Amino acid sequence: MRLDKYLSETAQCTRSEAKTLLAKGKVTVNGAVCKKGDVQVKEGDAVAVEGRVLCYQRFVYLMLNKPEGVVSASTDKRDTTVVDLVGDAYPRRELFPAGRLDKTSTGFVLLTDDGGFAHDILAPKRHVSKTYTVEIDTPLTDEMVEGFAAGVTLADGTALSPAVVEPVSADNCTVRVLLKQGVYHQIKRMFGVYGAGVNKLHRDAIGGLALDPALAPGQWRELSDAEVAKITG
């Protein structure tokens, strides 16, 4: 990779800003000042700007705790998006949500610029699970539990894959749902088959990775390689 491109991606600057840093002698490669943007950076090379060693990231993976009222999109003309919450922290990255939550729903949204990874976790054949805490307006019944386990058929005839639902509150109105597919408004429509409405929906986990309880609504952080592996592992 060219040094100026490497700088723009790792130092989060434009190509012109990278050339300025080079021209001013602020960039070193393996300890030696380098002013040429077309120098090829090889794996293992140590590139630094003003003494700060840069770490190359091919892709970015972020865990975000989505608040209510924010839309799961990269851009929106009317509403705040999950990408807006990240601000200008990654100006050279084209982040997008890998999977969606309704505007009124909250919880774990994965933001990335890795299209292949997003496809993998959303593809039905991969069966990456999503876990939710759901508040319904009527107590959970045996019929619902058995129906989810068998695979709900929605009002429009769509046959869904088996899912798990279990109570987590004494009144049976707060439940945990585990899905391995993603259909538009799926959980609300599944409960709707049994005449139940959804008051609140919160995504707790994607795959084997749970939402960090230290993240307040609207906050986000990068994922480690081990955490990314938990999602598909």
Protein backbone atom coordinates (compact mmCIF):
# COMPACT_ATOMS: atom_id res chain seq x y z
CA MET A 1 0.00 0.00 0.00
CA ARG A 2 1.22 3.51 -0.81
CA LEU A 3 2.36 5.50 2.20
CA ASP A 4 -0.01 8.42 1.54
CA LYS A 5 -2.96 6.02 1.34
CA TYR A 6 -1.79 4.25 4.50
CA LEU A 7 -1.67 7.59 6.30
CA SER A 8 -5.13 8.65 5.13
CA GLU A 9 -6.63 5.40 6.43
CA THR A 10 -4.75 5.09 9.71
CA ALA A 11 -4.33 8.75 10.71
CA GLN A 12 -7.87 9.56 9.52
CA CYS A 13 -6.75 12.41 7.27
CA THR A 14 -7.23 13.36 3.62
CA ARG A 15 -4.66 12.53 0.97
CA SER A 16 -3.70 16.23 0.79
CA GLU A 17 -3.25 16.36 4.57
CA ALA A 18 -1.11 13.23 4.35
CA LYS A 19 1.10 14.86 1.71
CA THR A 20 1.52 17.90 3.96
CA LEU A 21 2.63 15.70 6.85
CA LEU A 22 5.12 14.00 4.55
CA ALA A 23 6.46 17.26 3.14
CA LYS A 24 7.05 18.62 6.64
CA GLY A 25 9.07 15.55 7.60
CA LYS A 26 6.64 14.45 10.28
CA VAL A 27 6.35 10.88 9.02
CA THR A 28 8.84 8.09 9.69
CA VAL A 29 8.96 4.55 8.33
CA ASN A 30 10.93 2.18 10.50
CA GLY A 31 12.48 5.16 12.27
CA ALA A 32 13.61 7.02 9.15
CA VAL A 33 11.95 10.22 7.93
CA CYS A 34 10.10 9.64 4.67
CA LYS A 35 8.70 12.41 2.46
CA LYS A 36 7.53 10.34 -0.51
CA GLY A 37 3.87 9.35 -0.64
CA ASP A 38 4.42 6.64 -3.24
CA VAL A 39 6.68 4.58 -0.98
CA GLN A 40 5.17 1.14 -0.48
CA VAL A 41 4.37 0.18 3.12
CA LYS A 42 4.90 -3.52 3.75
CA GLU A 43 3.47 -5.71 6.48
CA GLY A 44 5.55 -5.26 9.59
CA ASP A 45 6.70 -1.73 8.74
CA ALA A 46 6.44 0.75 11.63
CA VAL A 47 4.91 4.01 10.42
CA ALA A 48 4.75 6.96 12.82
CA VAL A 49 3.50 10.54 12.70
CA GLU A 50 5.36 12.91 15.01
CA GLY A 51 6.57 9.90 16.97
CA ARG A 52 3.14 8.27 17.32
CA VAL A 53 3.15 4.79 15.81
CA LEU A 54 0.11 4.12 13.66
CA CYS A 55 -1.81 0.86 13.70
CA TYR A 56 -3.40 -0.14 10.41
CA GLN A 57 -6.99 -1.35 10.54
CA ARG A 58 -8.36 -2.84 7.36
CA PHE A 59 -11.89 -2.62 8.77
CA VAL A 60 -13.61 -1.03 11.73
CA TYR A 61 -16.07 -2.87 14.01
CA LEU A 62 -18.03 -0.87 16.57
CA MET A 63 -20.52 -1.84 19.27
CA LEU A 64 -23.15 0.86 19.76
CA ASN A 65 -25.96 1.03 22.30
CA LYS A 66 -28.79 2.47 20.20
CA PRO A 67 -31.18 4.80 22.01
CA GLU A 68 -34.87 5.07 21.22
CA GLY A 69 -35.66 7.51 18.42
CA VAL A 70 -32.47 6.88 16.44
CA VAL A 71 -32.74 5.11 13.07
CA SER A 72 -30.56 2.22 11.94
CA ALA A 73 -29.16 3.78 8.79
CA SER A 74 -26.03 5.50 7.53
CA THR A 75 -27.85 8.67 6.50
CA ASP A 76 -31.34 10.07 6.95
CA LYS A 77 -32.73 13.49 6.00
CA ARG A 78 -35.06 13.72 9.01
CA ASP A 79 -33.77 11.61 11.88
CA THR A 80 -30.53 11.03 13.74
CA THR A 81 -28.85 7.82 12.60
CA VAL A 82 -26.65 5.33 14.39
CA VAL A 83 -23.74 6.52 12.25
CA ASP A 84 -24.41 10.13 13.28
CA LEU A 85 -23.78 9.08 16.89
CA VAL A 86 -20.20 8.16 15.99
CA GLY A 87 -19.67 11.70 14.71
CA ASP A 88 -16.43 12.41 12.87
CA ALA A 89 -14.37 9.78 14.69
CA TYR A 90 -13.86 7.87 11.42
CA PRO A 91 -14.04 10.47 8.64
CA ARG A 92 -12.42 8.23 6.03
CA ARG A 93 -14.64 5.22 6.71
CA GLU A 94 -18.02 4.43 5.18
CA LEU A 95 -19.68 2.95 8.24
CA PHE A 96 -23.09 1.28 8.12
CA PRO A 97 -25.20 -0.81 10.52
CA ALA A 98 -24.91 -4.56 9.99
CA GLY A 99 -28.56 -5.32 10.63
CA ARG A 100 -31.27 -3.01 11.85
CA LEU A 101 -33.32 -2.13 14.88
CA ASP A 102 -36.63 -0.28 14.62
CA LYS A 103 -36.60 3.42 15.49
CA THR A 104 -38.40 2.72 18.77
CA SER A 105 -36.14 -0.23 19.69
CA THR A 106 -32.90 -0.03 21.64
CA GLY A 107 -29.70 -1.97 22.20
CA PHE A 108 -26.78 -3.54 20.37
CA VAL A 109 -26.13 -2.29 16.84
CA LEU A 110 -22.95 -3.36 15.06
CA LEU A 111 -21.37 -0.67 12.88
CA THR A 112 -18.69 -1.60 10.38
CA ASP A 113 -17.25 -0.89 6.94
CA ASP A 114 -16.68 -4.59 6.27
CA GLY A 115 -19.35 -5.60 3.77
CA GLY A 116 -18.27 -9.23 3.66
CA PHE A 117 -18.52 -9.62 7.42
CA ALA A 118 -21.92 -7.94 7.48
CA HIS A 119 -23.15 -10.32 4.79
CA ASP A 120 -21.89 -13.29 6.76
CA ILE A 121 -23.69 -12.39 9.99
CA LEU A 122 -26.92 -11.51 8.19
CA ALA A 123 -27.00 -14.46 5.79
CA PRO A 124 -29.69 -17.00 6.75
CA LYS A 125 -27.29 -19.90 6.13
CA ARG A 126 -24.90 -18.66 8.83
CA HIS A 127 -27.58 -18.76 11.56
CA VAL A 128 -25.99 -16.02 13.67
CA SER A 129 -28.34 -15.53 16.59
CA LYS A 130 -29.71 -12.27 18.02
CA THR A 131 -30.98 -12.09 21.57
CA TYR A 132 -33.61 -9.60 22.74
CA THR A 133 -35.40 -8.59 25.91
CA VAL A 134 -38.99 -7.81 24.99
CA GLU A 135 -41.83 -6.29 27.01
CA ILE A 136 -45.24 -7.49 25.78
CA ASP A 137 -48.68 -6.21 26.77
CA THR A 138 -50.07 -9.62 27.76
CA PRO A 139 -48.47 -12.50 29.65
CA LEU A 140 -46.49 -15.09 27.72
CA THR A 141 -48.50 -18.27 27.12
CA ASP A 142 -47.58 -21.87 26.45
CA GLU A 143 -49.11 -21.42 23.00
CA MET A 144 -46.62 -18.66 22.21
CA VAL A 145 -43.65 -20.68 23.51
CA GLU A 146 -44.65 -23.72 21.50
CA GLY A 147 -45.49 -21.66 18.42
CA PHE A 148 -42.14 -19.88 18.43
CA ALA A 149 -40.34 -23.20 18.83
CA ALA A 150 -42.21 -24.73 15.89
CA GLY A 151 -41.77 -21.68 13.66
CA VAL A 152 -44.40 -18.97 13.48
CA THR A 153 -46.35 -18.40 10.27
CA LEU A 154 -47.01 -14.68 9.93
CA ALA A 155 -50.32 -13.15 8.87
CA ASP A 156 -49.06 -12.76 5.29
CA GLY A 157 -48.18 -16.46 5.09
CA THR A 158 -44.43 -16.10 5.68
CA ALA A 159 -43.16 -19.19 7.50
CA LEU A 160 -40.39 -18.35 9.94
CA SER A 161 -37.63 -20.49 11.36
CA PRO A 162 -37.94 -21.81 14.91
CA ALA A 163 -37.16 -19.32 17.69
CA VAL A 164 -36.89 -19.41 21.46
CA VAL A 165 -38.99 -17.31 23.84
CA GLU A 166 -38.90 -17.58 27.64
CA PRO A 167 -40.17 -15.45 30.53
CA VAL A 168 -37.75 -13.35 32.58
CA SER A 169 -40.23 -11.57 34.87
CA ALA A 170 -42.71 -12.87 37.44
CA ASP A 171 -45.71 -11.55 35.49
CA ASN A 172 -44.51 -13.22 32.25
CA CYS A 173 -44.75 -9.88 30.42
CA THR A 174 -40.99 -9.44 30.03
CA VAL A 175 -39.46 -12.18 27.90
CA ARG A 176 -36.22 -13.14 26.22
CA VAL A 177 -36.33 -13.95 22.52
CA LEU A 178 -33.58 -15.63 20.51
CA LEU A 179 -33.82 -15.50 16.71
CA LYS A 180 -31.60 -16.85 13.96
CA GLN A 181 -33.05 -14.87 11.07
CA GLY A 182 -34.10 -11.33 10.35
CA VAL A 183 -37.45 -10.36 8.85
CA TYR A 184 -38.93 -6.85 8.86
CA HIS A 185 -40.54 -6.12 12.27
CA GLN A 186 -40.17 -9.83 12.93
CA ILE A 187 -40.66 -9.97 16.70
CA LYS A 188 -43.63 -7.59 16.68
CA ARG A 189 -45.26 -9.58 13.90
CA MET A 190 -44.59 -12.89 15.64
CA PHE A 191 -46.28 -11.78 18.84
CA GLY A 192 -49.03 -10.20 16.77
CA VAL A 193 -50.02 -13.65 15.54
CA TYR A 194 -51.02 -14.40 19.15
CA GLY A 195 -52.76 -11.07 19.73
CA ALA A 196 -49.90 -9.66 21.82
CA GLY A 197 -48.36 -6.23 21.33
CA VAL A 198 -44.75 -5.24 21.93
CA ASN A 199 -44.19 -2.25 24.22
CA LYS A 200 -40.39 -2.34 24.35
CA LEU A 201 -37.66 -4.21 22.51
CA HIS A 202 -33.96 -4.24 23.40
CA ARG A 203 -31.24 -6.21 21.61
CA ASP A 204 -28.90 -7.78 24.16
CA ALA A 205 -26.50 -9.77 22.01
CA ILE A 206 -25.39 -10.66 18.50
CA GLY A 207 -24.04 -14.18 18.23
CA GLY A 208 -21.97 -14.88 21.32
CA LEU A 209 -21.22 -11.23 22.03
CA ALA A 210 -23.34 -9.37 24.57
CA LEU A 211 -23.81 -5.62 24.67
CA ASP A 212 -21.30 -4.02 27.03
CA PRO A 213 -23.27 -2.91 30.13
CA ALA A 214 -20.84 -0.01 30.54
CA LEU A 215 -22.16 1.61 27.35
CA ALA A 216 -24.90 4.13 28.06
CA PRO A 217 -27.54 4.75 25.36
CA GLY A 218 -25.82 6.53 22.48
CA GLN A 219 -22.32 5.42 23.45
CA TRP A 220 -20.09 3.15 21.37
CA ARG A 221 -16.66 1.55 21.36
CA GLU A 222 -14.42 -0.50 19.09
CA LEU A 223 -14.49 -4.27 19.28
CA SER A 224 -11.38 -6.36 19.83
CA ASP A 225 -10.49 -9.16 17.42
CA ALA A 226 -11.65 -11.68 20.03
CA GLU A 227 -15.02 -9.94 20.37
CA VAL A 228 -15.53 -9.87 16.60
CA ALA A 229 -14.83 -13.62 16.55
CA LYS A 230 -17.50 -14.18 19.22
CA ILE A 231 -20.16 -12.81 16.88
CA THR A 232 -19.73 -15.51 14.28
CA GLY A 233 -18.16 -18.17 16.52
